[in-house]
Amino acid sequence: MRIALLSYRSKTHCGGQGVYVRYLSQGLAELGHEVEVFSGQPYPELLDPRVRLTEVPSLDLYREPDPFRTPRPSEIRDRIDLLELATMWTAGFPEPRTFSLRAARLLASRTADFDVVHDNQCLGYGLLDIAGRMPLVATIHHPITRDREVDLAAAPWRRKLALRRWYGFLGMQEKVARAIPDLITVSSSSAADIRADFGVSPEQLNTVPLGVDTELFRPREEPRVRGRIVAVASADKPLKGIAHLLNAVARLRTTHDLELRLVAKLEPHGTTEKLIAELGLADIVTAEGGLSDDQLARLLASADIACIPSLYEGFSLPAVEAMASGTPLVASRAGALPEVVGSCAELVEPGNADELTRVLGALLDSPDRLRQLGAAGRRRALTVFSWESVAAQTVSVYEQAIARHGARPALAR
């Protein structure tokens, strides 16, 4: 097949969307398909030289080190740029909509080049134009309505109006999702949430779990660092529950020799940085973002425990990567996490710092249980999660979408 894979942003080493694009495109290429990735900034670092990258430049309004920047007048090229800037200036998040419009414009003259188009969580209005021309599949990792709920619950009243405006794109995503007959999601838990929040029918949804590179994420010969806990998360997002983990670590340090490594870039003077200081944890908590794949794999394999204290997860790649690394896992009983980890992790009530403290402490005191969990997680990663299987299952959904599009009456096209 000739596949156009769309991703409105593809940050390589942080966030499931960028990882999904890198590994799915590689898996599809290895199956013999031709793949062209269309991405906005940040652009992906693709793994397979057979996969082509077409850059779909935005105004890049959120780039580091100058997020929410005001572009120069010479940067404004067309009406889509004006829409992007106006949406940001009025506190909205424009990228899903504006990327979809740019992608639709690009693909309008290339309908003969592709057999299927696959959108990665953009769900912008431009997809409706694409769907009128070509077979279309869309992946929804989880409905962002869940992020909005948690963010609003944690926000002071003076920020709630701005947050509702920021998440204004969700109405668009709901409408577009309902109009796409062939959707992919990554867990049965996420599928249930998408049906509830977006109103799509069960017949639209195909569940294809994510995969892990078990050669990269693997146990290492080097001994693990005793007392090291690793958490991979967007630490300043309330949804990820890092505040509860920090409170648990603050209690545990009185009885255990431990350190916490956060794989995250903290906002300067943000909520997580302030909480670390308030709890007196600066000497045992390290935060580092932008790790390479190899650095992340080695860090996970060096830990006594990996922890995912999220209040919600639609899948959780870090959970699978930790299991593949043979690293014992403690995770919240939230969203898809119980489904992903099976019986290979200790599960705790989301947001319950007392239970998290107790479970982490018991594991640190039980080397046998640590070895048992680590071995079980590695076995599960090898048998259940592989990118080759993900690619093959995804191709089955493509075939379904192509057949459906070909069967449509000519007038509907």
Protein backbone atom coordinates (compact mmCIF):
# COMPACT_ATOMS: atom_id res chain seq x y z
CA MET A 1 0.00 0.00 0.00
CA ARG A 2 0.91 3.67 -0.38
CA ILE A 3 0.20 5.26 3.00
CA ALA A 4 0.06 8.93 4.03
CA LEU A 5 0.58 9.11 7.81
CA LEU A 6 -0.46 12.45 9.31
CA SER A 7 0.79 13.82 12.65
CA TYR A 8 0.20 17.42 13.66
CA ARG A 9 3.19 17.32 16.03
CA SER A 10 5.70 14.50 16.43
CA LYS A 11 8.01 15.26 19.35
CA THR A 12 10.38 12.33 19.24
CA HIS A 13 11.34 11.56 22.82
CA CYS A 14 8.34 12.82 24.78
CA GLY A 15 4.73 11.87 24.32
CA GLY A 16 3.13 8.82 22.78
CA GLN A 17 2.21 10.49 19.47
CA GLY A 18 5.80 10.99 18.33
CA VAL A 19 6.79 7.47 19.36
CA TYR A 20 3.76 6.07 17.54
CA VAL A 21 4.71 7.77 14.27
CA ARG A 22 8.34 6.62 14.45
CA TYR A 23 7.69 2.98 15.17
CA LEU A 24 4.47 2.47 13.19
CA SER A 25 6.05 3.96 10.05
CA GLN A 26 9.04 1.65 10.49
CA GLY A 27 6.81 -1.39 11.02
CA LEU A 28 4.75 -0.59 7.93
CA ALA A 29 7.89 -0.14 5.84
CA GLU A 30 9.25 -3.47 7.05
CA LEU A 31 6.03 -5.10 5.83
CA GLY A 32 6.77 -3.70 2.35
CA HIS A 33 4.43 -0.71 2.32
CA GLU A 34 5.37 2.77 1.07
CA VAL A 35 4.97 5.33 3.86
CA GLU A 36 5.12 9.11 3.72
CA VAL A 37 4.81 11.00 6.99
CA PHE A 38 3.23 14.46 6.89
CA SER A 39 4.08 16.31 10.13
CA GLY A 40 4.01 19.71 11.68
CA GLN A 41 6.67 20.93 14.08
CA PRO A 42 8.35 19.43 16.02
CA TYR A 43 9.24 17.07 13.19
CA PRO A 44 9.88 13.38 13.89
CA GLU A 45 13.22 11.62 13.74
CA LEU A 46 12.19 8.66 11.59
CA LEU A 47 13.85 5.29 12.08
CA ASP A 48 13.58 3.78 8.60
CA PRO A 49 15.28 5.46 5.61
CA ARG A 50 12.54 4.08 3.35
CA VAL A 51 9.98 6.31 5.09
CA ARG A 52 9.67 9.73 3.51
CA LEU A 53 9.05 12.88 5.56
CA THR A 54 7.04 15.78 4.18
CA GLU A 55 7.19 18.80 6.47
CA VAL A 56 3.95 20.71 6.94
CA PRO A 57 5.24 23.89 8.59
CA SER A 58 3.04 25.81 10.98
CA LEU A 59 3.92 29.11 12.63
CA ASP A 60 5.47 26.96 15.39
CA LEU A 61 3.99 29.20 18.07
CA TYR A 62 4.87 26.91 21.00
CA ARG A 63 8.51 26.17 20.23
CA GLU A 64 11.17 26.32 22.88
CA PRO A 65 12.59 28.54 24.24
CA ASP A 66 9.90 31.01 23.17
CA PRO A 67 6.42 29.47 23.57
CA PHE A 68 3.41 31.67 22.74
CA ARG A 69 5.68 33.81 20.60
CA THR A 70 4.45 36.57 18.29
CA PRO A 71 5.67 35.86 14.75
CA ARG A 72 7.06 38.52 12.46
CA PRO A 73 4.60 39.87 9.85
CA SER A 74 6.78 38.33 7.12
CA GLU A 75 6.05 34.86 8.54
CA ILE A 76 2.33 35.12 7.80
CA ARG A 77 1.74 33.33 4.49
CA ASP A 78 -2.01 32.81 4.17
CA ARG A 79 -5.40 32.65 5.90
CA ILE A 80 -4.53 29.45 7.75
CA ASP A 81 -1.59 31.23 9.38
CA LEU A 82 -3.90 34.09 10.37
CA LEU A 83 -6.35 31.57 11.88
CA GLU A 84 -3.54 29.92 13.83
CA LEU A 85 -2.29 33.23 15.23
CA ALA A 86 -5.78 34.54 16.05
CA THR A 87 -6.68 31.31 17.87
CA MET A 88 -3.53 31.49 20.00
CA TRP A 89 -4.09 35.19 20.75
CA THR A 90 -7.59 34.34 22.02
CA ALA A 91 -6.19 31.60 24.31
CA GLY A 92 -7.15 28.63 22.12
CA PHE A 93 -5.01 25.76 20.82
CA PRO A 94 -5.03 25.96 17.00
CA GLU A 95 -2.71 23.18 15.82
CA PRO A 96 -5.15 20.28 15.26
CA ARG A 97 -7.41 22.42 13.10
CA THR A 98 -4.76 24.34 11.17
CA PHE A 99 -2.59 21.28 10.53
CA SER A 100 -5.59 19.41 9.13
CA LEU A 101 -6.38 22.29 6.77
CA ARG A 102 -2.77 22.40 5.52
CA ALA A 103 -2.69 18.62 5.09
CA ALA A 104 -5.97 18.67 3.15
CA ARG A 105 -4.56 21.35 0.85
CA LEU A 106 -1.41 19.29 0.21
CA LEU A 107 -3.28 16.06 -0.40
CA ALA A 108 -5.88 17.61 -2.73
CA SER A 109 -3.38 17.43 -5.60
CA ARG A 110 -1.97 14.04 -4.56
CA THR A 111 -4.99 11.77 -4.32
CA ALA A 112 -3.48 9.42 -6.92
CA ASP A 113 -0.30 9.01 -4.82
CA PHE A 114 -1.88 7.17 -1.87
CA ASP A 115 -4.17 4.25 -1.20
CA VAL A 116 -5.06 5.38 2.32
CA VAL A 117 -4.55 8.32 4.69
CA HIS A 118 -3.97 7.68 8.40
CA ASP A 119 -4.43 10.56 10.88
CA ASN A 120 -2.71 10.46 14.27
CA GLN A 121 -5.00 12.18 16.84
CA CYS A 122 -5.43 15.42 14.88
CA LEU A 123 -9.17 15.08 14.14
CA GLY A 124 -9.32 18.51 12.52
CA TYR A 125 -11.97 19.75 10.08
CA GLY A 126 -9.59 19.32 7.15
CA LEU A 127 -9.95 15.55 7.51
CA LEU A 128 -13.55 15.82 6.32
CA ASP A 129 -12.27 17.15 2.99
CA ILE A 130 -9.70 14.33 2.81
CA ALA A 131 -12.36 11.71 3.61
CA GLY A 132 -14.42 12.92 0.63
CA ARG A 133 -11.52 12.13 -1.69
CA MET A 134 -9.60 9.20 -0.20
CA PRO A 135 -9.92 6.28 2.26
CA LEU A 136 -9.24 7.64 5.75
CA VAL A 137 -8.34 6.03 9.08
CA ALA A 138 -7.78 7.97 12.32
CA THR A 139 -6.10 6.93 15.56
CA ILE A 140 -7.45 8.30 18.84
CA HIS A 141 -5.06 7.37 21.62
CA HIS A 142 -7.58 8.59 24.17
CA PRO A 143 -10.18 11.37 24.23
CA ILE A 144 -8.53 14.60 25.41
CA THR A 145 -11.77 15.29 27.30
CA ARG A 146 -10.16 13.28 30.12
CA ASP A 147 -7.19 15.67 30.25
CA ARG A 148 -9.59 18.60 30.36
CA GLU A 149 -11.54 17.14 33.29
CA VAL A 150 -8.43 16.63 35.40
CA ASP A 151 -6.91 20.01 34.48
CA LEU A 152 -10.13 21.85 35.33
CA ALA A 153 -10.46 20.03 38.65
CA ALA A 154 -6.91 21.01 39.63
CA ALA A 155 -7.03 24.63 38.39
CA PRO A 156 -7.81 27.65 40.57
CA TRP A 157 -11.09 29.31 39.65
CA ARG A 158 -9.38 32.23 37.90
CA ARG A 159 -7.79 29.85 35.34
CA LYS A 160 -10.84 27.72 34.57
CA LEU A 161 -12.21 30.00 31.83
CA ALA A 162 -8.85 30.11 30.05
CA LEU A 163 -8.54 26.32 30.28
CA ARG A 164 -11.99 25.82 28.78
CA ARG A 165 -10.96 28.07 25.89
CA TRP A 166 -7.66 26.16 25.44
CA TYR A 167 -9.59 22.90 25.11
CA GLY A 168 -12.04 24.47 22.66
CA PHE A 169 -10.78 22.20 19.87
CA LEU A 170 -12.50 19.21 21.52
CA GLY A 171 -15.88 20.09 20.00
CA MET A 172 -14.27 19.85 16.57
CA GLN A 173 -12.59 16.54 17.41
CA GLU A 174 -15.89 15.06 18.56
CA LYS A 175 -17.66 16.03 15.33
CA VAL A 176 -14.85 14.78 13.10
CA ALA A 177 -14.48 11.48 14.99
CA ARG A 178 -18.17 10.72 14.53
CA ALA A 179 -17.79 11.27 10.75
CA ILE A 180 -14.88 8.82 10.26
CA PRO A 181 -16.10 5.21 9.89
CA ASP A 182 -12.73 3.57 10.62
CA LEU A 183 -11.08 4.59 13.89
CA ILE A 184 -8.18 2.96 15.74
CA THR A 185 -7.65 3.16 19.48
CA VAL A 186 -5.09 1.52 21.71
CA SER A 187 -7.08 -0.21 24.46
CA SER A 188 -10.59 -1.37 25.26
CA SER A 189 -10.63 1.14 28.13
CA SER A 190 -9.85 3.99 25.75
CA ALA A 191 -12.46 2.67 23.31
CA ALA A 192 -15.13 2.84 26.02
CA ASP A 193 -14.10 6.42 26.89
CA ILE A 194 -14.18 7.48 23.23
CA ARG A 195 -17.68 6.04 22.82
CA ALA A 196 -18.86 7.83 25.96
CA ASP A 197 -17.21 11.21 25.34
CA PHE A 198 -17.29 11.51 21.54
CA GLY A 199 -20.49 9.60 20.83
CA VAL A 200 -18.98 7.29 18.20
CA SER A 201 -20.50 3.87 17.60
CA PRO A 202 -18.78 0.63 18.65
CA GLU A 203 -18.65 -0.40 14.97
CA GLN A 204 -16.34 2.52 14.18
CA LEU A 205 -13.63 1.49 16.67
CA ASN A 206 -10.82 -1.00 16.12
CA THR A 207 -8.54 -1.73 19.09
CA VAL A 208 -4.85 -2.10 18.20
CA PRO A 209 -2.46 -1.87 21.19
CA LEU A 210 0.88 -0.10 20.91
CA GLY A 211 4.19 -1.90 20.74
CA VAL A 212 7.67 -1.71 22.22
CA ASP A 213 11.17 -2.27 20.85
CA THR A 214 12.19 -5.21 23.05
CA GLU A 215 15.75 -5.13 21.72
CA LEU A 216 16.24 -1.56 22.88
CA PHE A 217 14.16 -1.79 26.07
CA ARG A 218 15.64 -4.85 27.76
CA PRO A 219 17.30 -5.87 31.03
CA ARG A 220 20.98 -4.93 31.16
CA GLU A 221 24.03 -6.64 32.62
CA GLU A 222 24.81 -3.66 34.87
CA PRO A 223 23.38 -3.95 38.38
CA ARG A 224 20.34 -1.86 39.21
CA VAL A 225 20.76 1.20 41.41
CA ARG A 226 19.35 0.28 44.79
CA GLY A 227 16.47 2.55 45.78
CA ARG A 228 16.17 4.25 42.38
CA ILE A 229 12.60 5.01 41.25
CA VAL A 230 11.96 6.26 37.70
CA ALA A 231 8.84 8.01 36.41
CA VAL A 232 8.36 9.00 32.77
CA ALA A 233 5.69 11.69 32.56
CA SER A 234 4.77 15.26 31.69
CA ALA A 235 5.43 16.19 35.29
CA ASP A 236 3.57 19.50 35.36
CA LYS A 237 0.30 18.01 34.06
CA PRO A 238 -2.07 17.09 36.94
CA LEU A 239 -3.28 14.11 34.89
CA LYS A 240 0.10 12.37 35.36
CA GLY A 241 -0.13 12.34 39.17
CA ILE A 242 3.51 13.25 39.84
CA ALA A 243 2.51 15.34 42.87
CA HIS A 244 1.22 12.17 44.58
CA LEU A 245 4.48 10.37 43.81
CA LEU A 246 6.51 13.25 45.25
CA ASN A 247 4.49 13.15 48.46
CA ALA A 248 5.05 9.40 48.71
CA VAL A 249 8.80 9.82 48.17
CA ALA A 250 8.94 12.52 50.85
CA ARG A 251 7.48 10.05 53.37
CA LEU A 252 9.61 7.13 52.24
CA ARG A 253 12.90 8.97 52.52
CA THR A 254 12.62 8.89 56.30
CA THR A 255 12.89 5.08 56.26
CA HIS A 256 14.61 4.27 52.96
CA ASP A 257 17.68 5.35 51.05
CA LEU A 258 16.20 6.26 47.68
CA GLU A 259 16.29 8.61 44.70
CA LEU A 260 13.63 9.65 42.18
CA ARG A 261 14.49 10.23 38.52
CA LEU A 262 11.81 12.09 36.58
CA VAL A 263 12.01 11.88 32.80
CA ALA A 264 10.42 15.25 32.18
CA LYS A 265 11.23 18.86 31.47
CA LEU A 266 9.91 20.91 34.37
CA GLU A 267 8.42 24.34 33.89
CA PRO A 268 10.70 26.91 35.59
CA HIS A 269 8.98 27.87 38.85
CA GLY A 270 6.11 25.56 37.89
CA THR A 271 3.98 23.46 40.23
CA THR A 272 6.28 20.42 40.25
CA GLU A 273 9.46 22.41 40.79
CA LYS A 274 7.82 24.29 43.66
CA LEU A 275 6.53 21.08 45.26
CA ILE A 276 9.99 19.49 45.14
CA ALA A 277 11.35 22.51 47.02
CA GLU A 278 8.47 22.59 49.52
CA LEU A 279 8.94 18.90 50.35
CA GLY A 280 12.71 19.27 50.69
CA LEU A 281 13.41 16.74 47.94
CA ALA A 282 15.86 18.65 45.77
CA ASP A 283 18.74 16.44 46.93
CA ILE A 284 17.11 13.17 45.83
CA VAL A 285 14.91 14.18 42.87
CA THR A 286 16.39 14.75 39.41
CA ALA A 287 14.38 15.80 36.37
CA GLU A 288 15.76 15.47 32.87
CA GLY A 289 13.99 15.78 29.52
CA GLY A 290 15.11 15.19 25.96
CA LEU A 291 16.75 11.82 26.60
CA SER A 292 17.66 9.72 23.58
CA ASP A 293 15.99 6.34 23.18
CA ASP A 294 19.15 4.59 24.38
CA GLN A 295 19.50 6.87 27.41
CA LEU A 296 15.86 6.28 28.37
CA ALA A 297 16.22 2.52 27.94
CA ARG A 298 19.34 2.42 30.10
CA LEU A 299 17.73 4.58 32.77
CA LEU A 300 14.65 2.36 32.97
CA ALA A 301 16.84 -0.75 33.17
CA SER A 302 18.89 0.80 35.99
CA ALA A 303 15.92 1.36 38.33
CA ASP A 304 14.63 -0.74 41.19
CA ILE A 305 11.08 0.42 40.39
CA ALA A 306 9.28 2.31 37.64
CA CYS A 307 6.19 4.22 38.74
CA ILE A 308 3.21 5.48 36.76
CA PRO A 309 0.99 7.41 39.21
CA SER A 310 -1.34 8.80 36.51
CA LEU A 311 -4.95 9.69 37.19
CA TYR A 312 -5.80 8.50 33.67
CA GLU A 313 -4.02 6.75 30.78
CA GLY A 314 -5.40 5.73 27.42
CA PHE A 315 -2.55 3.23 27.05
CA SER A 316 0.88 4.21 28.55
CA LEU A 317 3.96 3.46 26.50
CA PRO A 318 6.21 4.04 29.53
CA ALA A 319 4.48 1.12 31.26
CA VAL A 320 5.27 -1.22 28.38
CA GLU A 321 8.83 0.10 28.10
CA ALA A 322 9.38 -0.51 31.81
CA MET A 323 8.05 -4.04 31.55
CA ALA A 324 10.25 -4.73 28.52
CA SER A 325 13.22 -3.50 30.58
CA GLY A 326 12.44 -6.05 33.28
CA THR A 327 11.84 -3.20 35.73
CA PRO A 328 9.23 -3.82 38.46
CA LEU A 329 6.27 -1.54 37.97
CA VAL A 330 3.88 0.30 40.32
CA ALA A 331 0.96 1.88 38.50
CA SER A 332 -2.39 3.48 39.18
CA ARG A 333 -5.55 1.49 38.76
CA ALA A 334 -6.66 4.10 36.21
CA GLY A 335 -7.84 4.10 32.61
CA ALA A 336 -6.13 1.43 30.53
CA LEU A 337 -3.26 0.76 32.93
CA PRO A 338 -4.73 -2.44 34.48
CA GLU A 339 -5.45 -3.73 30.98
CA VAL A 340 -1.92 -2.94 29.75
CA VAL A 341 0.06 -4.35 32.68
CA GLY A 342 -2.12 -7.38 33.48
CA SER A 343 -0.83 -9.11 36.62
CA CYS A 344 2.71 -7.81 36.08
CA ALA A 345 2.53 -4.72 38.30
CA GLU A 346 1.44 -3.56 41.73
CA LEU A 347 -1.68 -1.43 41.26
CA VAL A 348 -2.74 1.42 43.55
CA GLU A 349 -5.73 3.72 43.78
CA PRO A 350 -5.11 6.81 41.60
CA GLY A 351 -4.39 9.91 43.66
CA ASN A 352 -3.91 7.96 46.91
CA ALA A 353 -0.47 8.97 48.18
CA ASP A 354 -0.88 6.87 51.34
CA GLU A 355 -1.37 3.64 49.40
CA LEU A 356 1.41 4.56 46.97
CA THR A 357 3.78 5.11 49.91
CA ARG A 358 2.90 1.75 51.42
CA VAL A 359 3.25 -0.23 48.19
CA LEU A 360 6.54 1.40 47.17
CA GLY A 361 7.99 0.83 50.63
CA ALA A 362 6.94 -2.83 50.69
CA LEU A 363 8.51 -3.43 47.28
CA LEU A 364 11.77 -1.74 48.22
CA ASP A 365 11.94 -4.11 51.19
CA SER A 366 11.24 -7.23 49.11
CA PRO A 367 14.00 -8.19 46.61
CA ASP A 368 12.21 -11.43 45.75
CA ARG A 369 9.01 -9.63 44.80
CA LEU A 370 11.01 -7.12 42.74
CA ARG A 371 12.65 -9.94 40.75
CA GLN A 372 9.30 -11.68 40.30
CA LEU A 373 7.56 -8.58 38.94
CA GLY A 374 10.47 -7.69 36.67
CA ALA A 375 10.58 -11.15 35.08
CA ALA A 376 6.80 -11.25 34.60
CA GLY A 377 6.79 -7.83 32.95
CA ARG A 378 9.54 -8.82 30.52
CA ARG A 379 7.62 -11.95 29.52
CA ARG A 380 4.45 -9.94 28.95
CA ALA A 381 6.23 -7.37 26.79
CA LEU A 382 7.74 -10.10 24.60
CA THR A 383 4.51 -12.02 24.10
CA VAL A 384 1.87 -9.26 23.89
CA PHE A 385 3.45 -6.06 22.54
CA SER A 386 5.42 -5.84 19.30
CA TRP A 387 5.47 -3.15 16.61
CA GLU A 388 5.39 -5.84 13.89
CA SER A 389 2.02 -6.99 15.22
CA VAL A 390 0.80 -3.39 15.55
CA ALA A 391 1.67 -2.67 11.90
CA ALA A 392 -0.02 -5.83 10.65
CA GLN A 393 -3.21 -5.14 12.60
CA THR A 394 -3.20 -1.53 11.39
CA VAL A 395 -2.97 -2.69 7.77
CA SER A 396 -6.13 -4.76 8.34
CA VAL A 397 -7.95 -1.54 9.29
CA TYR A 398 -6.57 0.15 6.16
CA GLU A 399 -7.98 -2.68 4.02
CA GLN A 400 -11.35 -2.22 5.72
CA ALA A 401 -11.33 1.54 5.02
CA ILE A 402 -10.30 1.06 1.38
CA ALA A 403 -13.06 -1.46 0.81
CA ARG A 404 -15.62 0.83 2.46
CA HIS A 405 -14.51 3.84 0.38
CA GLY A 406 -14.62 1.83 -2.84
CA ALA A 407 -18.16 0.71 -2.08
CA ARG A 408 -19.51 4.25 -1.66
CA PRO A 409 -21.92 5.48 -4.35
CA ALA A 410 -20.26 7.73 -6.90
CA LEU A 411 -22.57 10.63 -5.98
CA ALA A 412 -21.32 10.51 -2.35
CA ARG A 413 -17.75 11.01 -3.50
